[in-house]
Amino acid sequence: METASNRKHLREILKHLILEPEGFTPEHAASGLHSIMCGEASDAQMGGFLTALKLRGVDKEPKMIAALAREMLSNALIPYLETETKSREQFGVVADIVGTG
């Protein structure tokens, strides 16, 4: 598993995805998304990465989807909800169902 100290830059990951797709791993995908989510990638790199995932067909592989989902969740923010004045039953469950944040 890749750690922060040995993560590859998106440029290297994109090159690997395009030139050697058979060796592209879920860890590569997660590392690429990490670069995007941390603001390390240019707009062109982001577009290239997402397009290459689609064109190479790896966007449909369950292990790739799981790795990308784990990376997104690791960057998710847990919102603080003021619930002191209401009980859980009164407040209910809050969920973002739109997908835009």
C-alpha atoms as a PDB file:
ATOM      1  CA  MET A   1       0.000   0.000   0.000  1.00  0.00           C
ATOM      2  CA  GLU A   2       1.230   3.468  -0.833  1.00  0.00           C
ATOM      3  CA  THR A   3       1.911   6.015   1.879  1.00  0.00           C
ATOM      4  CA  ALA A   4       2.326   9.761   1.668  1.00  0.00           C
ATOM      5  CA  SER A   5       6.089   9.366   1.443  1.00  0.00           C
ATOM      6  CA  ASN A   6       6.024   7.089  -1.610  1.00  0.00           C
ATOM      7  CA  ARG A   7       3.031   8.419  -3.517  1.00  0.00           C
ATOM      8  CA  LYS A   8       3.644   9.044  -7.180  1.00  0.00           C
ATOM      9  CA  HIS A   9       2.801  12.345  -8.784  1.00  0.00           C
ATOM     10  CA  LEU A  10      -0.228  12.419 -11.042  1.00  0.00           C
ATOM     11  CA  ARG A  11       1.971  12.931 -14.100  1.00  0.00           C
ATOM     12  CA  GLU A  12       3.684   9.572 -13.486  1.00  0.00           C
ATOM     13  CA  ILE A  13       0.396   7.844 -12.734  1.00  0.00           C
ATOM     14  CA  LEU A  14      -1.237   9.209 -15.867  1.00  0.00           C
ATOM     15  CA  LYS A  15       1.717   8.065 -17.970  1.00  0.00           C
ATOM     16  CA  HIS A  16       1.432   4.587 -16.461  1.00  0.00           C
ATOM     17  CA  LEU A  17      -2.326   4.453 -17.075  1.00  0.00           C
ATOM     18  CA  ILE A  18      -1.953   5.442 -20.719  1.00  0.00           C
ATOM     19  CA  LEU A  19       1.164   3.456 -21.650  1.00  0.00           C
ATOM     20  CA  GLU A  20       0.824   0.379 -19.405  1.00  0.00           C
ATOM     21  CA  PRO A  21      -2.857   0.002 -18.459  1.00  0.00           C
ATOM     22  CA  GLU A  22      -2.490  -3.704 -17.661  1.00  0.00           C
ATOM     23  CA  GLY A  23      -0.200  -2.841 -14.745  1.00  0.00           C
ATOM     24  CA  PHE A  24      -2.386  -0.033 -13.434  1.00  0.00           C
ATOM     25  CA  THR A  25      -3.476  -0.891  -9.884  1.00  0.00           C
ATOM     26  CA  PRO A  26      -6.144   0.377  -7.494  1.00  0.00           C
ATOM     27  CA  GLU A  27      -3.298   1.941  -5.501  1.00  0.00           C
ATOM     28  CA  HIS A  28      -2.280   3.932  -8.582  1.00  0.00           C
ATOM     29  CA  ALA A  29      -5.867   5.129  -8.992  1.00  0.00           C
ATOM     30  CA  ALA A  30      -6.111   6.164  -5.334  1.00  0.00           C
ATOM     31  CA  SER A  31      -2.777   7.969  -5.512  1.00  0.00           C
ATOM     32  CA  GLY A  32      -3.917   9.845  -8.623  1.00  0.00           C
ATOM     33  CA  LEU A  33      -7.121  10.916  -6.932  1.00  0.00           C
ATOM     34  CA  HIS A  34      -5.133  11.938  -3.863  1.00  0.00           C
ATOM     35  CA  SER A  35      -3.085  14.310  -6.019  1.00  0.00           C
ATOM     36  CA  ILE A  36      -6.285  15.822  -7.359  1.00  0.00           C
ATOM     37  CA  MET A  37      -7.972  16.178  -3.976  1.00  0.00           C
ATOM     38  CA  CYS A  38      -4.884  17.744  -2.404  1.00  0.00           C
ATOM     39  CA  GLY A  39      -4.656  20.390  -5.118  1.00  0.00           C
ATOM     40  CA  GLU A  40      -1.396  19.072  -6.570  1.00  0.00           C
ATOM     41  CA  ALA A  41      -2.790  18.477 -10.075  1.00  0.00           C
ATOM     42  CA  SER A  42      -3.342  20.957 -12.884  1.00  0.00           C
ATOM     43  CA  ASP A  43      -6.706  21.173 -14.627  1.00  0.00           C
ATOM     44  CA  ALA A  44      -5.214  19.408 -17.654  1.00  0.00           C
ATOM     45  CA  GLN A  45      -3.880  16.585 -15.481  1.00  0.00           C
ATOM     46  CA  MET A  46      -7.220  16.156 -13.758  1.00  0.00           C
ATOM     47  CA  GLY A  47      -9.044  15.984 -17.073  1.00  0.00           C
ATOM     48  CA  GLY A  48      -6.465  13.615 -18.517  1.00  0.00           C
ATOM     49  CA  PHE A  49      -6.620  11.291 -15.518  1.00  0.00           C
ATOM     50  CA  LEU A  50     -10.414  11.069 -15.466  1.00  0.00           C
ATOM     51  CA  THR A  51     -10.599  10.656 -19.243  1.00  0.00           C
ATOM     52  CA  ALA A  52      -7.914   7.962 -19.264  1.00  0.00           C
ATOM     53  CA  LEU A  53      -9.703   6.049 -16.486  1.00  0.00           C
ATOM     54  CA  LYS A  54     -12.810   6.011 -18.656  1.00  0.00           C
ATOM     55  CA  LEU A  55     -11.088   5.218 -21.969  1.00  0.00           C
ATOM     56  CA  ARG A  56      -9.055   2.368 -20.480  1.00  0.00           C
ATOM     57  CA  GLY A  57     -12.224   0.946 -18.905  1.00  0.00           C
ATOM     58  CA  VAL A  58     -10.791   0.758 -15.406  1.00  0.00           C
ATOM     59  CA  ASP A  59     -13.551   3.017 -14.118  1.00  0.00           C
ATOM     60  CA  LYS A  60     -15.851  -0.038 -14.097  1.00  0.00           C
ATOM     61  CA  GLU A  61     -13.582  -2.376 -12.132  1.00  0.00           C
ATOM     62  CA  PRO A  62     -14.880  -2.951  -8.576  1.00  0.00           C
ATOM     63  CA  LYS A  63     -11.391  -2.806  -7.021  1.00  0.00           C
ATOM     64  CA  MET A  64     -10.696   0.530  -8.723  1.00  0.00           C
ATOM     65  CA  ILE A  65     -14.047   1.958  -7.622  1.00  0.00           C
ATOM     66  CA  ALA A  66     -13.420   0.803  -4.040  1.00  0.00           C
ATOM     67  CA  ALA A  67      -9.926   2.345  -3.989  1.00  0.00           C
ATOM     68  CA  LEU A  68     -11.232   5.655  -5.335  1.00  0.00           C
ATOM     69  CA  ALA A  69     -14.107   5.632  -2.841  1.00  0.00           C
ATOM     70  CA  ARG A  70     -11.703   4.974   0.058  1.00  0.00           C
ATOM     71  CA  GLU A  71      -9.531   7.879  -1.073  1.00  0.00           C
ATOM     72  CA  MET A  72     -12.536  10.204  -1.276  1.00  0.00           C
ATOM     73  CA  LEU A  73     -13.731   9.126   2.170  1.00  0.00           C
ATOM     74  CA  SER A  74     -10.274   9.686   3.636  1.00  0.00           C
ATOM     75  CA  ASN A  75     -10.537  13.316   2.486  1.00  0.00           C
ATOM     76  CA  ALA A  76     -14.143  13.826   3.577  1.00  0.00           C
ATOM     77  CA  LEU A  77     -14.995  16.389   6.204  1.00  0.00           C
ATOM     78  CA  ILE A  78     -17.291  15.408   9.038  1.00  0.00           C
ATOM     79  CA  PRO A  79     -19.621  18.336   9.653  1.00  0.00           C
ATOM     80  CA  TYR A  80     -20.476  19.448  13.145  1.00  0.00           C
ATOM     81  CA  LEU A  81     -24.236  19.491  13.602  1.00  0.00           C
ATOM     82  CA  GLU A  82     -25.756  21.416  16.479  1.00  0.00           C
ATOM     83  CA  THR A  83     -28.013  18.853  18.096  1.00  0.00           C
ATOM     84  CA  GLU A  84     -28.074  20.024  21.717  1.00  0.00           C
ATOM     85  CA  THR A  85     -31.576  21.447  21.453  1.00  0.00           C
ATOM     86  CA  LYS A  86     -33.072  18.408  19.752  1.00  0.00           C
ATOM     87  CA  SER A  87     -32.907  14.724  20.420  1.00  0.00           C
ATOM     88  CA  ARG A  88     -31.807  12.327  17.704  1.00  0.00           C
ATOM     89  CA  GLU A  89     -35.429  11.330  17.160  1.00  0.00           C
ATOM     90  CA  GLN A  90     -36.456  14.967  16.639  1.00  0.00           C
ATOM     91  CA  PHE A  91     -33.427  15.802  14.535  1.00  0.00           C
ATOM     92  CA  GLY A  92     -33.420  12.673  12.385  1.00  0.00           C
ATOM     93  CA  VAL A  93     -30.625  11.718  10.038  1.00  0.00           C
ATOM     94  CA  VAL A  94     -28.953  14.306   7.855  1.00  0.00           C
ATOM     95  CA  ALA A  95     -27.515  13.207   4.521  1.00  0.00           C
ATOM     96  CA  ASP A  96     -26.260  14.932   1.396  1.00  0.00           C
ATOM     97  CA  ILE A  97     -28.048  13.112  -1.415  1.00  0.00           C
ATOM     98  CA  VAL A  98     -27.207  15.521  -4.204  1.00  0.00           C
ATOM     99  CA  GLY A  99     -23.580  14.588  -4.752  1.00  0.00           C
ATOM    100  CA  THR A 100     -22.275  18.110  -5.232  1.00  0.00           C
ATOM    101  CA  GLY A 101     -21.212  18.615  -1.635  1.00  0.00           C
END
